[in-house]
Amino acid sequence: MIDADTHDQRSPQRRLIELQIEHADLDAMIDQASENAGGLDELRLRRLKKRRLALRDEMARLHWLMDPKEPA
């Protein structure tokens, strides 16, 4: 597990890449489970989709931090 100090020392760009990779992995897992009727139970599938949405939110936040639209 990553501690808070290590997490805070990473650059936003690096964290964004990590989130994008995790998001792509989840996409693939969800797609595969959806194709296979017995792949994952419904509760696990919902949890994966919820995690994927949380990753999208975090990626959007990081994009905003790296490129804010309003002048500082």
Protein backbone atom coordinates (compact mmCIF):
# COMPACT_ATOMS: atom_id res chain seq x y z
CA MET A 1 0.00 0.00 0.00
CA ILE A 2 1.19 3.51 -0.80
CA ASP A 3 1.47 5.89 2.15
CA ALA A 4 0.26 9.49 1.95
CA ASP A 5 3.77 10.99 1.83
CA THR A 6 4.76 8.93 -1.21
CA HIS A 7 1.46 9.72 -2.89
CA ASP A 8 1.89 13.48 -2.34
CA GLN A 9 5.43 13.48 -3.78
CA ARG A 10 4.32 12.19 -7.17
CA SER A 11 3.78 14.64 -9.95
CA PRO A 12 0.19 15.14 -11.14
CA GLN A 13 1.23 13.96 -14.61
CA ARG A 14 2.57 10.66 -13.24
CA ARG A 15 -0.53 10.15 -11.09
CA LEU A 16 -2.74 10.85 -14.10
CA ILE A 17 -0.92 8.19 -16.14
CA GLU A 18 -1.33 5.69 -13.31
CA LEU A 19 -5.06 6.44 -13.12
CA GLN A 20 -5.44 6.13 -16.89
CA ILE A 21 -3.79 2.71 -16.81
CA GLU A 22 -6.00 1.55 -13.95
CA HIS A 23 -9.07 2.92 -15.78
CA ALA A 24 -8.15 1.04 -18.96
CA ASP A 25 -7.63 -2.16 -16.96
CA LEU A 26 -11.04 -1.76 -15.36
CA ASP A 27 -12.63 -1.08 -18.76
CA ALA A 28 -11.19 -4.31 -20.10
CA MET A 29 -12.26 -6.28 -17.04
CA ILE A 30 -15.81 -4.88 -17.16
CA ASP A 31 -16.10 -5.52 -20.91
CA GLN A 32 -14.89 -9.09 -20.49
CA ALA A 33 -17.26 -9.73 -17.59
CA SER A 34 -20.17 -8.29 -19.57
CA GLU A 35 -19.43 -10.62 -22.49
CA ASN A 36 -19.21 -13.69 -20.25
CA ALA A 37 -22.55 -14.24 -18.54
CA GLY A 38 -20.92 -16.05 -15.61
CA GLY A 39 -17.82 -13.85 -15.46
CA LEU A 40 -18.50 -11.75 -12.33
CA ASP A 41 -21.41 -11.50 -9.96
CA GLU A 42 -23.60 -8.41 -10.24
CA LEU A 43 -22.36 -6.83 -7.00
CA ARG A 44 -18.70 -7.09 -8.02
CA LEU A 45 -19.51 -5.68 -11.46
CA ARG A 46 -21.28 -2.68 -9.87
CA ARG A 47 -18.29 -2.08 -7.59
CA LEU A 48 -15.92 -2.13 -10.56
CA LYS A 49 -18.09 0.36 -12.41
CA LYS A 50 -18.25 2.61 -9.35
CA ARG A 51 -14.44 2.50 -9.06
CA ARG A 52 -14.16 3.34 -12.77
CA LEU A 53 -16.36 6.42 -12.25
CA ALA A 54 -14.26 7.49 -9.27
CA LEU A 55 -11.15 7.19 -11.44
CA ARG A 56 -12.75 9.41 -14.10
CA ASP A 57 -13.54 12.02 -11.45
CA GLU A 58 -9.98 11.92 -10.13
CA MET A 59 -8.55 12.18 -13.68
CA ALA A 60 -10.77 15.20 -14.38
CA ARG A 61 -9.60 16.83 -11.14
CA LEU A 62 -5.95 16.27 -12.07
CA HIS A 63 -6.52 17.67 -15.56
CA TRP A 64 -8.02 20.77 -13.98
CA LEU A 65 -5.08 21.12 -11.54
CA MET A 66 -2.55 20.84 -14.37
CA ASP A 67 -4.41 23.22 -16.68
CA PRO A 68 -6.83 25.50 -14.80
CA LYS A 69 -9.08 27.53 -17.09
CA GLU A 70 -9.07 30.64 -14.89
CA PRO A 71 -5.97 32.78 -14.45
CA ALA A 72 -4.40 32.53 -11.00
